[in-house]
Amino acid sequence: MNKIKKITYNSSSIHIELNEVHSNKNNIRIEDLNLLGNNTVLRIEHSGLTTMIDFTQTKDYQVLYLNKNLEIVGGSYAINNDFGFILQTQEKIILLVEMQDENTTRILLKGLISNN
């Protein structure tokens, strides 16, 4: 189900349409989640310290780490190649932004930065 959520970066905010997925696993294969839409919030609900997120055989994503107030506290890219890609994180709320083309993420972040 899609929801409009406010994401914040450096005191600037943007409202975007998001899907939300919950997982209690400490090893997550993005391919198995069957993500809908271009922007997905992944909420990790296990009590362990870290989570391994496997992006092998998926689309390319920008990965933005969020705090409980949906403020961006860090980020990375998951760019696939012939060997796949795996991230390890301690964050429990993660925004996955599908990179449809090179401008997709820039538009999202430009909206956040230009509001500053």
Protein backbone atom coordinates (compact mmCIF):
# COMPACT_ATOMS: atom_id res chain seq x y z
CA MET A 1 0.00 0.00 0.00
CA ASN A 2 1.36 3.41 -0.99
CA LYS A 3 1.56 6.23 1.53
CA ILE A 4 2.75 9.80 1.22
CA LYS A 5 5.52 10.37 3.77
CA LYS A 6 7.68 13.34 4.65
CA ILE A 7 11.43 12.66 4.40
CA THR A 8 13.80 15.19 5.96
CA TYR A 9 17.44 16.05 5.22
CA ASN A 10 19.30 18.95 6.91
CA SER A 11 16.02 20.54 8.10
CA SER A 12 14.52 20.38 4.57
CA SER A 13 11.59 18.11 3.77
CA ILE A 14 9.99 16.54 0.72
CA HIS A 15 6.79 14.52 0.49
CA ILE A 16 7.08 11.35 -1.61
CA GLU A 17 4.93 8.30 -2.26
CA LEU A 18 6.32 5.25 -0.48
CA ASN A 19 5.59 1.57 -0.09
CA GLU A 20 6.41 0.10 3.29
CA VAL A 21 7.82 -3.38 3.96
CA HIS A 22 8.52 -4.91 7.38
CA SER A 23 11.06 -7.67 8.02
CA ASN A 24 12.17 -9.50 11.16
CA LYS A 25 15.07 -11.25 9.40
CA ASN A 26 18.72 -10.38 9.88
CA ASN A 27 19.53 -11.52 6.31
CA ILE A 28 17.24 -9.95 3.71
CA ARG A 29 17.20 -10.70 -0.01
CA ILE A 30 15.64 -7.72 -1.78
CA GLU A 31 14.71 -9.99 -4.70
CA ASP A 32 12.47 -12.03 -2.36
CA LEU A 33 10.55 -8.98 -1.10
CA ASN A 34 8.73 -8.41 -4.41
CA LEU A 35 8.91 -4.61 -4.03
CA LEU A 36 6.19 -2.50 -5.61
CA GLY A 37 6.79 1.05 -6.76
CA ASN A 38 9.98 3.07 -6.99
CA ASN A 39 10.39 4.09 -3.34
CA THR A 40 10.19 1.60 -0.49
CA VAL A 41 10.74 2.03 3.23
CA LEU A 42 12.18 -1.16 4.71
CA ARG A 43 11.55 -1.41 8.46
CA ILE A 44 13.81 -3.95 10.14
CA GLU A 45 12.23 -5.38 13.27
CA HIS A 46 14.70 -7.92 14.68
CA SER A 47 16.68 -7.23 17.85
CA GLY A 48 20.11 -8.04 16.40
CA LEU A 49 22.79 -5.38 15.95
CA THR A 50 23.26 -5.67 12.17
CA THR A 51 21.35 -6.72 9.07
CA MET A 52 22.74 -8.04 5.80
CA ILE A 53 20.80 -6.79 2.78
CA ASP A 54 21.42 -8.73 -0.44
CA PHE A 55 20.74 -6.80 -3.66
CA THR A 56 21.93 -9.62 -5.96
CA GLN A 57 19.87 -9.81 -9.19
CA THR A 58 17.81 -6.72 -8.34
CA LYS A 59 17.53 -3.29 -9.86
CA ASP A 60 19.98 -0.58 -8.81
CA TYR A 61 19.00 1.45 -5.73
CA GLN A 62 20.11 4.40 -3.72
CA VAL A 63 19.91 3.33 -0.08
CA LEU A 64 19.09 6.08 2.42
CA TYR A 65 19.28 5.34 6.14
CA LEU A 66 16.57 7.05 8.20
CA ASN A 67 16.04 7.66 11.91
CA LYS A 68 12.66 7.18 13.62
CA ASN A 69 11.60 10.70 12.52
CA LEU A 70 12.31 9.77 8.86
CA GLU A 71 15.33 12.07 8.76
CA ILE A 72 18.18 10.96 6.48
CA VAL A 73 21.23 10.01 8.56
CA GLY A 74 23.33 8.32 5.86
CA GLY A 75 23.26 6.62 2.52
CA SER A 76 24.83 4.31 0.00
CA TYR A 77 24.30 2.90 -3.47
CA ALA A 78 23.45 -0.68 -4.38
CA ILE A 79 24.72 -1.00 -7.94
CA ASN A 80 24.63 -4.55 -9.25
CA ASN A 81 27.28 -6.27 -11.31
CA ASP A 82 27.96 -9.88 -12.30
CA PHE A 83 28.85 -10.73 -8.68
CA GLY A 84 25.88 -9.06 -6.95
CA PHE A 85 25.94 -6.61 -4.06
CA ILE A 86 25.38 -6.94 -0.29
CA LEU A 87 25.19 -4.20 2.35
CA GLN A 88 25.55 -4.61 6.10
CA THR A 89 23.85 -2.00 8.28
CA GLN A 90 22.89 -1.23 11.86
CA GLU A 91 20.03 1.04 10.75
CA LYS A 92 16.45 -0.16 11.25
CA ILE A 93 14.62 2.13 8.80
CA ILE A 94 15.88 2.20 5.23
CA LEU A 95 14.56 4.03 2.18
CA LEU A 96 15.23 2.21 -1.10
CA VAL A 97 15.00 4.56 -4.10
CA GLU A 98 14.98 2.68 -7.39
CA MET A 99 17.45 4.23 -9.80
CA GLN A 100 15.51 4.27 -13.06
CA ASP A 101 18.05 6.58 -14.65
CA GLU A 102 20.92 8.75 -13.49
CA ASN A 103 18.59 11.65 -12.62
CA THR A 104 16.10 9.76 -10.42
CA THR A 105 17.93 10.15 -7.14
CA ARG A 106 19.24 13.60 -7.97
CA ILE A 107 15.67 14.85 -8.33
CA LEU A 108 14.69 13.44 -4.91
CA LEU A 109 17.76 14.85 -3.18
CA LYS A 110 17.63 18.14 -5.08
CA GLY A 111 14.13 18.63 -3.70
CA LEU A 112 15.47 18.15 -0.20
CA ILE A 113 18.59 20.28 -0.58
CA SER A 114 16.94 23.18 -2.44
CA ASN A 115 14.43 23.63 0.40
CA ASN A 116 17.28 24.44 2.77
